[in-house]
C-alpha cells in the first residue's frame, strides 16, 4: 500500500498537470519516464528531437498527415494511391455511423486518435449503438491534450470505415496484422520496427535495417514488448515499402511511416510524427541515439 504522503504527492502533481501548458506536461511526462530532463537546445536522441520538433516548429502539416482521412489525399498526390486500404465511408458525427451501408466485415478508425480502432469481423454480431457510443465518448475528450501532442488538437474528429485486411493472408503467421514501421530521418528510411501477435496490450517486436539485417541491440524487451516468436522474413514488397516511405517522408526531419503486407500486396497504414508521444521505450538507448544523431534542423 502507498503511504498517505505518497498519494497526496501524486494527486497534487496530477492537479498541477491539469493547468500546465502542453510543453510543461511533456517535460513532466518525460522526466517521469526517463528520470532526466529534455535537452531542448541540443536534443540527444530521437525522443528529445520529437519533443523539440513538436513544440518549437510549425507542425500544421503534421496535423494534416496524422489525420487518418486527410492523409489519404496526400498519399494519392504522391502517386501512391494503389497502396491505400479501400475506403468504405467517413462520418463527421458518430451518430451517423450506418452499418447497413457497410460490408459484413470492416474497420472503424478515429481520424484524430492513436490506436482508436474497432475491428468488426462479423457485422451481424455487432451492436451499432455501442459503436456509436464508443466514438462519441472518444470525441468528448480532445485527443492530444492528455498525451502532450499538440498537433492532434487541430485534427477534426471523424469516423473512417475501411476494408478489413485479412491477417490470415500474410506471409508470416500472426494473431494480428503485422505492422512494418519504417522510421525515416530526413526523408531516408533508417530502421524497420516490426510489431506482430498483438493480444491484450502485449505484442512481439523486432528491428531490422533496410537490408533486413536483424538488430537485437536496438530493442528493449519486457512483459509488454516481447521478442518475436518466429523468424520474420523480409516482406515481399520490401523495396517498394522503402521507396514509398522515402516519398512520403520527404521534407520531414523525422517521421515513422507504417505499412501492412497482405495477400502479397503492400498497404499504407499511417504517418506518425510523435511516436509513443516522444517517450519511446520499446527501442533501446542505442537505437534512439543512433536515429537522433542523424536529425538535423527543425523542418
Protein backbone atom coordinates (compact mmCIF):
# COMPACT_ATOMS: atom_id res chain seq x y z
CA UNK A 1 0.00 0.00 0.00
CA UNK A 2 1.13 3.55 -0.73
CA UNK A 3 1.51 5.97 2.16
CA UNK A 4 -0.85 8.92 2.57
CA UNK A 5 2.04 11.28 1.79
CA UNK A 6 2.81 9.45 -1.46
CA UNK A 7 -0.83 9.51 -2.54
CA UNK A 8 -1.07 13.22 -1.71
CA UNK A 9 2.11 13.95 -3.71
CA UNK A 10 0.75 12.06 -6.70
CA UNK A 11 -2.64 13.80 -6.57
CA UNK A 12 -1.01 17.22 -6.19
CA UNK A 13 1.16 16.63 -9.25
CA UNK A 14 -1.78 15.36 -11.33
CA UNK A 15 -3.69 18.53 -10.39
CA UNK A 16 -0.72 20.70 -11.38
CA UNK A 17 -0.59 18.90 -14.74
CA UNK A 18 -4.21 19.86 -15.42
CA UNK A 19 -3.27 23.54 -15.54
CA UNK A 20 0.13 23.18 -17.22
CA UNK A 21 0.93 24.09 -20.79
CA UNK A 22 1.30 21.09 -23.09
CA UNK A 23 5.04 21.69 -23.24
CA UNK A 24 5.24 21.68 -19.44
CA UNK A 25 3.21 18.48 -19.38
CA UNK A 26 5.58 16.89 -21.90
CA UNK A 27 8.53 17.80 -19.68
CA UNK A 28 6.91 16.17 -16.65
CA UNK A 29 6.00 13.01 -18.53
CA UNK A 30 9.49 12.75 -19.99
CA UNK A 31 11.10 13.21 -16.55
CA UNK A 32 8.81 10.58 -15.03
CA UNK A 33 9.63 8.11 -17.82
CA UNK A 34 13.39 8.58 -18.13
CA UNK A 35 14.48 10.33 -14.93
CA UNK A 36 16.13 13.25 -16.75
CA UNK A 37 15.23 16.49 -18.49
CA UNK A 38 14.66 17.14 -22.18
CA UNK A 39 17.63 18.93 -23.69
CA UNK A 40 15.66 21.45 -25.74
CA UNK A 41 18.70 23.24 -27.14
CA UNK A 42 20.71 20.18 -28.16
CA UNK A 43 18.48 17.08 -28.34
CA UNK A 44 20.41 13.93 -27.52
CA UNK A 45 18.20 11.23 -29.05
CA UNK A 46 15.07 10.58 -31.11
CA UNK A 47 12.69 11.13 -28.18
CA UNK A 48 14.15 14.54 -27.41
CA UNK A 49 14.07 15.52 -31.07
CA UNK A 50 10.40 14.52 -31.33
CA UNK A 51 9.59 16.82 -28.41
CA UNK A 52 11.70 19.69 -29.74
CA UNK A 53 10.08 19.49 -33.18
CA UNK A 54 6.58 19.15 -31.71
CA UNK A 55 6.86 22.29 -29.58
CA UNK A 56 9.25 24.60 -31.41
CA UNK A 57 8.47 24.17 -35.13
CA UNK A 58 5.48 24.60 -37.45
CA UNK A 59 3.56 21.32 -37.21
CA UNK A 60 0.49 22.21 -39.25
CA UNK A 61 1.49 19.64 -41.87
CA UNK A 62 1.85 17.05 -39.13
CA UNK A 63 -1.82 17.65 -38.29
CA UNK A 64 -2.90 17.07 -41.88
CA UNK A 65 -0.89 13.90 -42.30
CA UNK A 66 -1.66 12.42 -38.87
CA UNK A 67 -5.36 12.71 -39.82
CA UNK A 68 -6.42 9.17 -40.83
CA UNK A 69 -8.70 10.59 -43.53
CA UNK A 70 -6.85 13.68 -44.81
CA UNK A 71 -3.61 11.72 -45.23
CA UNK A 72 -5.25 9.67 -47.97
CA UNK A 73 -5.24 12.73 -50.25
CA UNK A 74 -1.53 13.22 -49.56
CA UNK A 75 -0.74 9.58 -50.40
CA UNK A 76 -2.73 9.94 -53.62
CA UNK A 77 -0.92 13.18 -54.51
CA UNK A 78 2.40 11.35 -54.13
CA UNK A 79 1.29 8.87 -56.80
CA UNK A 80 0.80 6.07 -54.27
CA UNK A 81 -2.95 5.62 -54.36
CA UNK A 82 -2.51 1.92 -55.10
CA UNK A 83 -1.29 1.25 -51.54
CA UNK A 84 -4.30 2.81 -49.79
CA UNK A 85 -6.66 0.47 -47.95
CA UNK A 86 -10.04 0.77 -49.72
CA UNK A 87 -12.23 3.43 -48.10
CA UNK A 88 -15.83 2.44 -47.28
CA UNK A 89 -17.24 5.55 -45.58
CA UNK A 90 -16.46 8.59 -43.43
CA UNK A 91 -18.76 10.28 -40.93
CA UNK A 92 -18.38 13.64 -39.16
CA UNK A 93 -20.76 12.55 -36.42
CA UNK A 94 -20.64 9.11 -34.75
CA UNK A 95 -24.45 9.16 -34.60
CA UNK A 96 -24.40 8.87 -38.40
CA UNK A 97 -22.50 5.55 -38.45
CA UNK A 98 -24.58 3.37 -40.77
CA UNK A 99 -23.79 -0.35 -40.55
CA UNK A 100 -26.29 -1.11 -43.31
CA UNK A 101 -24.03 0.74 -45.75
CA UNK A 102 -21.02 -1.43 -44.84
CA UNK A 103 -19.98 -4.98 -45.79
CA UNK A 104 -20.04 -7.86 -43.32
CA UNK A 105 -16.54 -7.04 -42.06
CA UNK A 106 -14.71 -3.72 -41.78
CA UNK A 107 -12.54 -1.48 -39.58
CA UNK A 108 -13.60 1.78 -37.93
CA UNK A 109 -10.98 4.39 -37.01
CA UNK A 110 -10.98 7.78 -35.33
CA UNK A 111 -9.30 10.30 -37.64
CA UNK A 112 -7.68 12.14 -34.73
CA UNK A 113 -6.58 9.31 -32.45
CA UNK A 114 -3.88 6.73 -31.95
CA UNK A 115 -4.91 3.11 -31.67
CA UNK A 116 -8.61 4.04 -31.55
CA UNK A 117 -9.62 1.23 -33.90
CA UNK A 118 -12.61 -1.08 -33.80
CA UNK A 119 -12.32 -4.27 -35.85
CA UNK A 120 -15.66 -5.71 -36.92
CA UNK A 121 -15.26 -9.24 -38.24
CA UNK A 122 -18.99 -10.03 -38.31
CA UNK A 123 -21.48 -7.19 -38.63
CA UNK A 124 -24.40 -9.39 -37.62
CA UNK A 125 -22.89 -9.74 -34.13
CA UNK A 126 -22.18 -6.03 -33.73
CA UNK A 127 -24.09 -3.56 -31.58
CA UNK A 128 -24.37 -0.38 -33.66
CA UNK A 129 -25.43 1.69 -30.66
CA UNK A 130 -22.35 0.58 -28.72
CA UNK A 131 -20.08 1.51 -31.62
CA UNK A 132 -21.63 4.97 -31.88
CA UNK A 133 -21.33 5.46 -28.11
CA UNK A 134 -17.66 4.39 -28.21
CA UNK A 135 -16.69 7.07 -30.72
CA UNK A 136 -18.93 9.73 -29.15
CA UNK A 137 -17.13 9.19 -25.86
CA UNK A 138 -13.73 9.40 -27.60
CA UNK A 139 -14.64 12.71 -29.20
CA UNK A 140 -15.68 14.26 -25.89
CA UNK A 141 -12.02 14.37 -24.88
CA UNK A 142 -9.70 16.33 -27.24
CA UNK A 143 -7.04 13.84 -28.25
CA UNK A 144 -3.53 15.19 -27.78
CA UNK A 145 -4.16 17.20 -24.62
CA UNK A 146 -3.59 14.44 -22.09
CA UNK A 147 -0.69 12.97 -24.08
CA UNK A 148 1.02 16.34 -24.78
CA UNK A 149 0.82 16.00 -28.59
CA UNK A 150 -0.39 19.45 -29.73
CA UNK A 151 -0.67 18.73 -33.45
CA UNK A 152 -3.54 16.30 -32.83
CA UNK A 153 -5.67 19.11 -31.39
CA UNK A 154 -6.03 20.61 -34.89
CA UNK A 155 -7.47 17.42 -36.39
CA UNK A 156 -11.22 17.29 -36.95
CA UNK A 157 -12.56 14.16 -35.20
CA UNK A 158 -14.35 11.90 -37.68
CA UNK A 159 -15.00 8.18 -38.06
CA UNK A 160 -13.50 6.37 -41.03
CA UNK A 161 -14.57 2.92 -42.24
CA UNK A 162 -12.04 0.91 -44.24
CA UNK A 163 -11.85 -2.58 -45.67
CA UNK A 164 -10.74 -5.20 -43.14
CA UNK A 165 -7.42 -6.69 -44.19
CA UNK A 166 -7.21 -10.46 -43.67
CA UNK A 167 -4.47 -11.30 -41.15
CA UNK A 168 -4.54 -14.90 -42.37
CA UNK A 169 -3.27 -13.81 -45.79
CA UNK A 170 0.10 -12.58 -44.52
CA UNK A 171 3.38 -14.28 -45.38
CA UNK A 172 4.06 -14.83 -41.66
CA UNK A 173 1.56 -16.30 -39.22
CA UNK A 174 0.45 -13.69 -36.70
CA UNK A 175 -2.55 -13.28 -34.41
CA UNK A 176 -2.82 -9.69 -35.64
CA UNK A 177 -1.86 -7.66 -38.68
CA UNK A 178 1.91 -7.22 -38.81
CA UNK A 179 2.98 -3.57 -38.63
CA UNK A 180 6.11 -2.66 -40.58
CA UNK A 181 7.00 0.69 -39.05
CA UNK A 182 9.62 2.46 -41.15
CA UNK A 183 11.49 5.21 -39.31
CA UNK A 184 12.65 7.87 -41.72
CA UNK A 185 15.18 10.57 -40.91
CA UNK A 186 15.46 13.48 -43.33
CA UNK A 187 13.30 11.55 -45.80
CA UNK A 188 15.51 8.45 -45.75
CA UNK A 189 14.43 5.08 -44.26
CA UNK A 190 16.77 4.05 -41.45
CA UNK A 191 15.06 1.34 -39.42
CA UNK A 192 12.09 -1.04 -39.76
CA UNK A 193 10.37 -1.80 -36.45
CA UNK A 194 8.14 -4.88 -36.70
CA UNK A 195 5.14 -5.39 -34.40
CA UNK A 196 3.11 -8.62 -34.53
CA UNK A 197 0.99 -11.00 -32.45
CA UNK A 198 -0.83 -8.22 -30.60
CA UNK A 199 -3.01 -9.57 -27.80
CA UNK A 200 -4.43 -7.68 -24.85
CA UNK A 201 -1.86 -4.89 -24.95
CA UNK A 202 1.07 -7.32 -25.27
CA UNK A 203 2.92 -7.72 -28.56
CA UNK A 204 6.09 -9.03 -30.17
CA UNK A 205 8.72 -6.77 -31.72
CA UNK A 206 11.80 -6.96 -33.91
CA UNK A 207 14.11 -4.39 -35.52
CA UNK A 208 15.77 -4.55 -38.92
CA UNK A 209 17.90 -2.25 -41.01
CA UNK A 210 16.97 -1.52 -44.62
CA UNK A 211 18.95 -4.56 -45.80
CA UNK A 212 16.79 -6.68 -43.47
CA UNK A 213 19.58 -7.44 -41.02
CA UNK A 214 18.21 -8.11 -37.53
CA UNK A 215 19.39 -5.80 -34.73
CA UNK A 216 18.64 -7.18 -31.28
CA UNK A 217 20.64 -4.33 -29.74
CA UNK A 218 18.04 -1.84 -30.96
CA UNK A 219 15.27 -3.34 -28.82
CA UNK A 220 14.01 -3.11 -25.25
CA UNK A 221 12.04 -6.22 -24.37
CA UNK A 222 9.85 -6.59 -21.28
CA UNK A 223 6.50 -8.07 -20.29
CA UNK A 224 4.72 -5.90 -22.88
CA UNK A 225 7.26 -5.70 -25.72
CA UNK A 226 8.34 -9.30 -26.22
CA UNK A 227 10.79 -10.73 -28.75
CA UNK A 228 9.24 -12.27 -31.86
CA UNK A 229 8.48 -15.96 -31.50
CA UNK A 230 9.28 -16.77 -35.12
CA UNK A 231 11.72 -15.73 -37.80
CA UNK A 232 10.36 -12.73 -39.70
CA UNK A 233 11.46 -12.88 -43.35
CA UNK A 234 11.82 -9.72 -45.38
CA UNK A 235 8.47 -8.52 -46.76
CA UNK A 236 7.88 -9.48 -50.37
CA UNK A 237 7.46 -5.77 -51.09
CA UNK A 238 10.40 -4.53 -49.00
CA UNK A 239 11.92 -2.43 -51.79
CA UNK A 240 8.54 -0.89 -52.64
CA UNK A 241 7.87 -0.30 -48.95
CA UNK A 242 11.12 1.61 -48.52
CA UNK A 243 10.57 3.56 -51.74
CA UNK A 244 7.06 4.57 -50.64
CA UNK A 245 8.31 5.57 -47.18
CA UNK A 246 11.03 7.66 -48.81
CA UNK A 247 8.50 9.50 -50.99
CA UNK A 248 6.02 10.14 -48.17
CA UNK A 249 8.70 11.25 -45.68
CA UNK A 250 10.31 13.89 -47.86
CA UNK A 251 10.65 17.26 -46.16
CA UNK A 252 10.37 15.98 -42.59
CA UNK A 253 13.30 15.77 -40.13
CA UNK A 254 11.77 12.59 -38.73
CA UNK A 255 8.58 10.58 -39.24
CA UNK A 256 7.51 6.96 -38.96
CA UNK A 257 5.58 5.53 -41.91
CA UNK A 258 3.63 2.34 -41.21
CA UNK A 259 2.69 -0.39 -43.68
CA UNK A 260 0.99 -3.78 -43.91
CA UNK A 261 1.54 -6.60 -46.39
CA UNK A 262 -1.49 -8.80 -47.05
CA UNK A 263 -2.07 -11.22 -49.90
CA UNK A 264 1.24 -10.18 -51.43
CA UNK A 265 0.09 -6.55 -51.64
CA UNK A 266 1.53 -3.53 -49.83
CA UNK A 267 -0.84 -1.27 -47.88
CA UNK A 268 -0.27 2.11 -46.25
CA UNK A 269 -1.11 2.32 -42.54
CA UNK A 270 -0.39 5.81 -41.20
CA UNK A 271 2.22 8.50 -40.65
CA UNK A 272 3.31 9.10 -37.06
CA UNK A 273 5.25 12.19 -36.03
CA UNK A 274 5.19 11.74 -32.26
CA UNK A 275 5.78 8.02 -31.83
CA UNK A 276 4.85 6.95 -28.28
CA UNK A 277 4.28 10.68 -27.54
CA UNK A 278 8.03 11.28 -27.74
CA UNK A 279 8.61 8.79 -24.94
CA UNK A 280 9.57 5.66 -26.85
CA UNK A 281 10.68 2.81 -24.55
CA UNK A 282 10.42 -0.10 -26.99
CA UNK A 283 13.67 0.98 -28.69
CA UNK A 284 16.98 0.85 -26.86
CA UNK A 285 19.04 3.89 -25.89
CA UNK A 286 21.43 2.77 -28.63
CA UNK A 287 18.74 2.91 -31.31
CA UNK A 288 17.29 6.20 -30.05
CA UNK A 289 20.72 7.83 -30.06
CA UNK A 290 21.54 6.40 -33.50
CA UNK A 291 18.38 7.85 -35.02
CA UNK A 292 18.63 11.14 -33.12
CA UNK A 293 22.16 11.93 -34.22
CA UNK A 294 21.03 11.76 -37.86
CA UNK A 295 18.42 14.51 -37.43
CA UNK A 296 19.44 18.00 -38.48
CA UNK A 297 17.44 21.19 -38.23
CA UNK A 298 13.86 21.82 -37.37
CA UNK A 299 11.99 21.32 -40.62
